[in-house]
Amino acid sequence: MALVYIVAAYLLGSIPVGVVLSKLKGQDPRKAGSGNIGATNVMRTAGKGIGILTLAGDILKGFLPTWLAIAYGQTAVVAAACGLAAFAGHLWPIYLHFKGGKGVATALGLFLALKPAVIPILLAVFIVVLLKWRYVSLGSLVGTALMPLLLLLFGSSVEYIIVSLIVGLLIYYKHRDNIKRLLSGTEHKFRGTAA
């Protein structure tokens, strides 16, 4: 049964919400802007409304399988594995030949299920960083770096902390080009519809 949960989580995480919604407006985020399928690029290429819906969908596909595993009595290991599988689905979706997004929103969803108490702190940090420096990527990276520490401070299980470290490393890997642009001062700043 655990394997069924994990496979289902991956398949749900693989749903390219941004691509599906963008195509309703005749757009494809893979062919415009940064080429990323996540909410920031969808907002840039298909509009704010579609971008917000993409953000909600990407969060939900991380949250739902993780929460269901917990709600139906699966162990912490299985719940953590479901969250990681959904996250992996977003990064390497089977429906898009394993070419996916950067995973921040889906990671937010899975940790919202695993340890909801840390989310308001992470969101506050993200907003402060975004307002001060106007880089979505920087806010995401700072929040990602804080996640393992917050989980530790809130007494989370070792399984959840391990998942946060794996997720964090993958998010940093997926943001390697953003990191280079941040260091060189050429990263796109957030202006309402751009990042």
C-alpha atoms as a PDB file:
ATOM      1  CA  MET A   1       0.000   0.000   0.000  1.00  0.00           C
ATOM      2  CA  ALA A   2       2.859   2.398   0.785  1.00  0.00           C
ATOM      3  CA  LEU A   3       4.194   1.969  -2.746  1.00  0.00           C
ATOM      4  CA  VAL A   4       0.777   2.870  -4.171  1.00  0.00           C
ATOM      5  CA  TYR A   5       0.768   6.111  -2.177  1.00  0.00           C
ATOM      6  CA  ILE A   6       4.278   7.001  -3.333  1.00  0.00           C
ATOM      7  CA  VAL A   7       3.648   6.251  -7.027  1.00  0.00           C
ATOM      8  CA  ALA A   8       0.358   8.173  -6.927  1.00  0.00           C
ATOM      9  CA  ALA A   9       2.164  11.108  -5.305  1.00  0.00           C
ATOM     10  CA  TYR A  10       4.737  11.150  -8.104  1.00  0.00           C
ATOM     11  CA  LEU A  11       2.053  11.029 -10.808  1.00  0.00           C
ATOM     12  CA  LEU A  12       0.116  13.851  -9.158  1.00  0.00           C
ATOM     13  CA  GLY A  13       3.273  15.900  -8.736  1.00  0.00           C
ATOM     14  CA  SER A  14       4.037  15.378 -12.420  1.00  0.00           C
ATOM     15  CA  ILE A  15       0.910  17.222 -13.560  1.00  0.00           C
ATOM     16  CA  PRO A  16       2.261  20.392 -15.257  1.00  0.00           C
ATOM     17  CA  VAL A  17      -0.313  22.804 -13.884  1.00  0.00           C
ATOM     18  CA  GLY A  18       1.323  25.869 -15.426  1.00  0.00           C
ATOM     19  CA  VAL A  19       1.489  24.316 -18.891  1.00  0.00           C
ATOM     20  CA  VAL A  20      -2.125  23.107 -18.781  1.00  0.00           C
ATOM     21  CA  LEU A  21      -3.505  26.456 -17.585  1.00  0.00           C
ATOM     22  CA  SER A  22      -1.337  28.515 -19.927  1.00  0.00           C
ATOM     23  CA  LYS A  23      -2.555  26.566 -22.931  1.00  0.00           C
ATOM     24  CA  LEU A  24      -6.092  27.693 -22.093  1.00  0.00           C
ATOM     25  CA  LYS A  25      -4.854  31.160 -23.087  1.00  0.00           C
ATOM     26  CA  GLY A  26      -2.881  29.919 -26.065  1.00  0.00           C
ATOM     27  CA  GLN A  27       0.448  30.230 -24.277  1.00  0.00           C
ATOM     28  CA  ASP A  28       3.221  27.803 -23.395  1.00  0.00           C
ATOM     29  CA  PRO A  29       5.594  28.888 -20.597  1.00  0.00           C
ATOM     30  CA  ARG A  30       8.264  26.526 -21.932  1.00  0.00           C
ATOM     31  CA  LYS A  31       8.547  28.684 -25.054  1.00  0.00           C
ATOM     32  CA  ALA A  32       8.641  32.132 -23.434  1.00  0.00           C
ATOM     33  CA  GLY A  33      10.320  34.026 -20.630  1.00  0.00           C
ATOM     34  CA  SER A  34      12.681  31.804 -18.670  1.00  0.00           C
ATOM     35  CA  GLY A  35      11.126  28.646 -20.129  1.00  0.00           C
ATOM     36  CA  ASN A  36      10.243  27.424 -16.641  1.00  0.00           C
ATOM     37  CA  ILE A  37       6.804  25.868 -15.985  1.00  0.00           C
ATOM     38  CA  GLY A  38       6.432  27.391 -12.506  1.00  0.00           C
ATOM     39  CA  ALA A  39       4.169  30.198 -11.332  1.00  0.00           C
ATOM     40  CA  THR A  40       6.649  33.063 -11.748  1.00  0.00           C
ATOM     41  CA  ASN A  41       7.237  32.427 -15.447  1.00  0.00           C
ATOM     42  CA  VAL A  42       3.577  31.557 -16.046  1.00  0.00           C
ATOM     43  CA  MET A  43       2.627  34.906 -14.499  1.00  0.00           C
ATOM     44  CA  ARG A  44       5.110  36.603 -16.796  1.00  0.00           C
ATOM     45  CA  THR A  45       3.933  34.824 -19.948  1.00  0.00           C
ATOM     46  CA  ALA A  46       0.217  34.123 -19.402  1.00  0.00           C
ATOM     47  CA  GLY A  47      -0.874  36.773 -16.901  1.00  0.00           C
ATOM     48  CA  LYS A  48      -1.293  37.273 -13.194  1.00  0.00           C
ATOM     49  CA  GLY A  49      -4.500  35.222 -12.862  1.00  0.00           C
ATOM     50  CA  ILE A  50      -3.061  32.136 -14.522  1.00  0.00           C
ATOM     51  CA  GLY A  51       0.120  32.590 -12.507  1.00  0.00           C
ATOM     52  CA  ILE A  52      -1.784  32.646  -9.208  1.00  0.00           C
ATOM     53  CA  LEU A  53      -3.774  29.548 -10.196  1.00  0.00           C
ATOM     54  CA  THR A  54      -0.524  27.809 -11.136  1.00  0.00           C
ATOM     55  CA  LEU A  55       0.960  28.675  -7.754  1.00  0.00           C
ATOM     56  CA  ALA A  56      -2.107  27.254  -5.986  1.00  0.00           C
ATOM     57  CA  GLY A  57      -2.052  24.104  -8.109  1.00  0.00           C
ATOM     58  CA  ASP A  58       1.643  23.485  -7.580  1.00  0.00           C
ATOM     59  CA  ILE A  59       1.249  23.925  -3.817  1.00  0.00           C
ATOM     60  CA  LEU A  60      -1.762  21.591  -3.795  1.00  0.00           C
ATOM     61  CA  LYS A  61       0.010  18.784  -5.629  1.00  0.00           C
ATOM     62  CA  GLY A  62       2.713  18.785  -2.942  1.00  0.00           C
ATOM     63  CA  PHE A  63       0.226  19.090  -0.092  1.00  0.00           C
ATOM     64  CA  LEU A  64      -2.496  16.636  -1.083  1.00  0.00           C
ATOM     65  CA  PRO A  65      -0.603  13.328  -1.388  1.00  0.00           C
ATOM     66  CA  THR A  66       1.458  14.096   1.715  1.00  0.00           C
ATOM     67  CA  TRP A  67      -1.586  15.045   3.767  1.00  0.00           C
ATOM     68  CA  LEU A  68      -3.531  11.983   2.585  1.00  0.00           C
ATOM     69  CA  ALA A  69      -0.679   9.697   3.634  1.00  0.00           C
ATOM     70  CA  ILE A  70      -0.752  11.258   7.109  1.00  0.00           C
ATOM     71  CA  ALA A  71      -4.552  11.302   7.310  1.00  0.00           C
ATOM     72  CA  TYR A  72      -4.808   7.622   6.411  1.00  0.00           C
ATOM     73  CA  GLY A  73      -2.330   6.521   9.043  1.00  0.00           C
ATOM     74  CA  GLN A  74       0.822   6.000   7.027  1.00  0.00           C
ATOM     75  CA  THR A  75       4.133   6.200   8.880  1.00  0.00           C
ATOM     76  CA  ALA A  76       6.321   9.312   8.948  1.00  0.00           C
ATOM     77  CA  VAL A  77       8.635   7.570   6.476  1.00  0.00           C
ATOM     78  CA  VAL A  78       5.820   6.991   3.982  1.00  0.00           C
ATOM     79  CA  ALA A  79       4.417  10.499   4.427  1.00  0.00           C
ATOM     80  CA  ALA A  80       7.859  11.989   3.863  1.00  0.00           C
ATOM     81  CA  ALA A  81       8.405   9.717   0.849  1.00  0.00           C
ATOM     82  CA  CYS A  82       5.065  10.818  -0.629  1.00  0.00           C
ATOM     83  CA  GLY A  83       6.044  14.458  -0.265  1.00  0.00           C
ATOM     84  CA  LEU A  84       9.414  13.799  -1.848  1.00  0.00           C
ATOM     85  CA  ALA A  85       7.775  11.816  -4.675  1.00  0.00           C
ATOM     86  CA  ALA A  86       5.353  14.666  -5.451  1.00  0.00           C
ATOM     87  CA  PHE A  87       8.249  17.115  -5.418  1.00  0.00           C
ATOM     88  CA  ALA A  88      10.268  14.857  -7.728  1.00  0.00           C
ATOM     89  CA  GLY A  89       7.261  14.664 -10.021  1.00  0.00           C
ATOM     90  CA  HIS A  90       7.282  18.441 -10.416  1.00  0.00           C
ATOM     91  CA  LEU A  91      11.024  18.507 -11.104  1.00  0.00           C
ATOM     92  CA  TRP A  92      10.974  15.509 -13.457  1.00  0.00           C
ATOM     93  CA  PRO A  93       7.382  15.066 -14.711  1.00  0.00           C
ATOM     94  CA  ILE A  94       6.705  11.924 -16.690  1.00  0.00           C
ATOM     95  CA  TYR A  95       4.149  13.841 -18.794  1.00  0.00           C
ATOM     96  CA  LEU A  96       6.783  16.340 -20.034  1.00  0.00           C
ATOM     97  CA  HIS A  97       9.620  13.899 -20.764  1.00  0.00           C
ATOM     98  CA  PHE A  98      11.061  14.580 -17.277  1.00  0.00           C
ATOM     99  CA  LYS A  99      11.640  18.310 -17.938  1.00  0.00           C
ATOM    100  CA  GLY A 100       9.939  20.166 -15.111  1.00  0.00           C
ATOM    101  CA  GLY A 101      10.103  23.159 -12.830  1.00  0.00           C
ATOM    102  CA  LYS A 102      12.169  24.279  -9.861  1.00  0.00           C
ATOM    103  CA  GLY A 103       9.890  22.908  -7.162  1.00  0.00           C
ATOM    104  CA  VAL A 104       9.534  25.749  -4.646  1.00  0.00           C
ATOM    105  CA  ALA A 105       5.716  25.853  -4.598  1.00  0.00           C
ATOM    106  CA  THR A 106       5.411  22.057  -4.514  1.00  0.00           C
ATOM    107  CA  ALA A 107       7.933  21.955  -1.658  1.00  0.00           C
ATOM    108  CA  LEU A 108       5.836  24.545   0.180  1.00  0.00           C
ATOM    109  CA  GLY A 109       2.818  22.268  -0.210  1.00  0.00           C
ATOM    110  CA  LEU A 110       4.522  19.159   1.100  1.00  0.00           C
ATOM    111  CA  PHE A 111       5.887  20.972   4.174  1.00  0.00           C
ATOM    112  CA  LEU A 112       2.487  22.559   4.730  1.00  0.00           C
ATOM    113  CA  ALA A 113       1.270  18.988   5.208  1.00  0.00           C
ATOM    114  CA  LEU A 114       4.268  17.751   7.193  1.00  0.00           C
ATOM    115  CA  LYS A 115       4.749  20.711   9.564  1.00  0.00           C
ATOM    116  CA  PRO A 116       2.277  23.568   8.985  1.00  0.00           C
ATOM    117  CA  ALA A 117       3.569  25.582  11.957  1.00  0.00           C
ATOM    118  CA  VAL A 118       6.764  26.548  10.107  1.00  0.00           C
ATOM    119  CA  ILE A 119       4.999  27.909   7.008  1.00  0.00           C
ATOM    120  CA  PRO A 120       4.000  31.358   8.382  1.00  0.00           C
ATOM    121  CA  ILE A 121       7.639  31.962   9.364  1.00  0.00           C
ATOM    122  CA  LEU A 122       8.896  30.954   5.931  1.00  0.00           C
ATOM    123  CA  LEU A 123       6.313  33.121   4.181  1.00  0.00           C
ATOM    124  CA  ALA A 124       7.232  36.090   6.371  1.00  0.00           C
ATOM    125  CA  VAL A 125      10.920  35.628   5.538  1.00  0.00           C
ATOM    126  CA  PHE A 126      10.131  35.292   1.835  1.00  0.00           C
ATOM    127  CA  ILE A 127       8.051  38.484   1.840  1.00  0.00           C
ATOM    128  CA  VAL A 128      10.703  40.475   3.716  1.00  0.00           C
ATOM    129  CA  VAL A 129      13.430  39.361   1.297  1.00  0.00           C
ATOM    130  CA  LEU A 130      11.202  40.035  -1.722  1.00  0.00           C
ATOM    131  CA  LEU A 131      10.218  43.522  -0.542  1.00  0.00           C
ATOM    132  CA  LYS A 132      13.790  44.490   0.323  1.00  0.00           C
ATOM    133  CA  TRP A 133      15.673  43.041  -2.665  1.00  0.00           C
ATOM    134  CA  ARG A 134      12.825  42.273  -5.125  1.00  0.00           C
ATOM    135  CA  TYR A 135      14.176  38.867  -6.147  1.00  0.00           C
ATOM    136  CA  VAL A 136      11.704  35.973  -6.058  1.00  0.00           C
ATOM    137  CA  SER A 137      14.573  33.515  -6.418  1.00  0.00           C
ATOM    138  CA  LEU A 138      16.462  34.984  -3.451  1.00  0.00           C
ATOM    139  CA  GLY A 139      13.387  34.790  -1.219  1.00  0.00           C
ATOM    140  CA  SER A 140      12.861  31.185  -2.274  1.00  0.00           C
ATOM    141  CA  LEU A 141      16.488  30.250  -1.631  1.00  0.00           C
ATOM    142  CA  VAL A 142      16.599  31.891   1.799  1.00  0.00           C
ATOM    143  CA  GLY A 143      13.374  30.129   2.810  1.00  0.00           C
ATOM    144  CA  THR A 144      14.702  26.825   1.509  1.00  0.00           C
ATOM    145  CA  ALA A 145      17.884  27.195   3.553  1.00  0.00           C
ATOM    146  CA  LEU A 146      15.884  27.908   6.710  1.00  0.00           C
ATOM    147  CA  MET A 147      13.537  24.927   6.391  1.00  0.00           C
ATOM    148  CA  PRO A 148      15.751  22.208   7.976  1.00  0.00           C
ATOM    149  CA  LEU A 149      16.612  24.511  10.885  1.00  0.00           C
ATOM    150  CA  LEU A 150      12.968  25.393  11.505  1.00  0.00           C
ATOM    151  CA  LEU A 151      11.930  21.751  11.368  1.00  0.00           C
ATOM    152  CA  LEU A 152      14.635  20.954  13.914  1.00  0.00           C
ATOM    153  CA  LEU A 153      13.539  23.803  16.207  1.00  0.00           C
ATOM    154  CA  PHE A 154       9.904  22.677  15.970  1.00  0.00           C
ATOM    155  CA  GLY A 155      10.793  19.131  16.958  1.00  0.00           C
ATOM    156  CA  SER A 156      10.046  17.440  13.645  1.00  0.00           C
ATOM    157  CA  SER A 157      10.917  13.817  13.024  1.00  0.00           C
ATOM    158  CA  VAL A 158      14.271  12.971  11.510  1.00  0.00           C
ATOM    159  CA  GLU A 159      12.496  11.749   8.359  1.00  0.00           C
ATOM    160  CA  TYR A 160      11.046  15.208   7.747  1.00  0.00           C
ATOM    161  CA  ILE A 161      14.391  16.893   8.330  1.00  0.00           C
ATOM    162  CA  ILE A 162      16.117  14.527   5.907  1.00  0.00           C
ATOM    163  CA  VAL A 163      13.474  15.260   3.262  1.00  0.00           C
ATOM    164  CA  SER A 164      13.959  18.997   3.799  1.00  0.00           C
ATOM    165  CA  LEU A 165      17.691  18.609   3.192  1.00  0.00           C
ATOM    166  CA  ILE A 166      17.146  16.595   0.011  1.00  0.00           C
ATOM    167  CA  VAL A 167      14.508  19.033  -1.235  1.00  0.00           C
ATOM    168  CA  GLY A 168      16.745  21.972  -0.377  1.00  0.00           C
ATOM    169  CA  LEU A 169      19.715  20.594  -2.282  1.00  0.00           C
ATOM    170  CA  LEU A 170      17.539  19.935  -5.334  1.00  0.00           C
ATOM    171  CA  ILE A 171      16.002  23.421  -5.202  1.00  0.00           C
ATOM    172  CA  TYR A 172      19.458  24.973  -5.044  1.00  0.00           C
ATOM    173  CA  TYR A 173      20.557  22.784  -7.949  1.00  0.00           C
ATOM    174  CA  LYS A 174      17.524  23.815  -9.998  1.00  0.00           C
ATOM    175  CA  HIS A 175      18.248  27.464  -9.169  1.00  0.00           C
ATOM    176  CA  ARG A 176      21.915  27.303 -10.137  1.00  0.00           C
ATOM    177  CA  ASP A 177      21.410  29.745 -13.034  1.00  0.00           C
ATOM    178  CA  ASN A 178      19.481  32.117 -10.756  1.00  0.00           C
ATOM    179  CA  ILE A 179      22.321  31.939  -8.239  1.00  0.00           C
ATOM    180  CA  LYS A 180      24.841  32.857 -10.938  1.00  0.00           C
ATOM    181  CA  ARG A 181      22.679  35.826 -11.975  1.00  0.00           C
ATOM    182  CA  LEU A 182      22.217  36.920  -8.361  1.00  0.00           C
ATOM    183  CA  LEU A 183      25.978  36.894  -7.855  1.00  0.00           C
ATOM    184  CA  SER A 184      26.563  38.829 -11.088  1.00  0.00           C
ATOM    185  CA  GLY A 185      23.729  41.302 -10.446  1.00  0.00           C
ATOM    186  CA  THR A 186      21.771  40.288 -13.556  1.00  0.00           C
ATOM    187  CA  GLU A 187      18.864  38.415 -11.949  1.00  0.00           C
ATOM    188  CA  HIS A 188      15.372  39.609 -12.937  1.00  0.00           C
ATOM    189  CA  LYS A 189      13.667  41.731 -10.281  1.00  0.00           C
ATOM    190  CA  PHE A 190      10.027  41.318  -9.298  1.00  0.00           C
ATOM    191  CA  ARG A 191       7.810  44.033 -10.770  1.00  0.00           C
ATOM    192  CA  GLY A 192       4.339  42.621 -10.265  1.00  0.00           C
ATOM    193  CA  THR A 193       4.384  40.321 -13.300  1.00  0.00           C
ATOM    194  CA  ALA A 194       8.098  39.623 -13.581  1.00  0.00           C
ATOM    195  CA  ALA A 195      10.729  38.030 -11.422  1.00  0.00           C
END
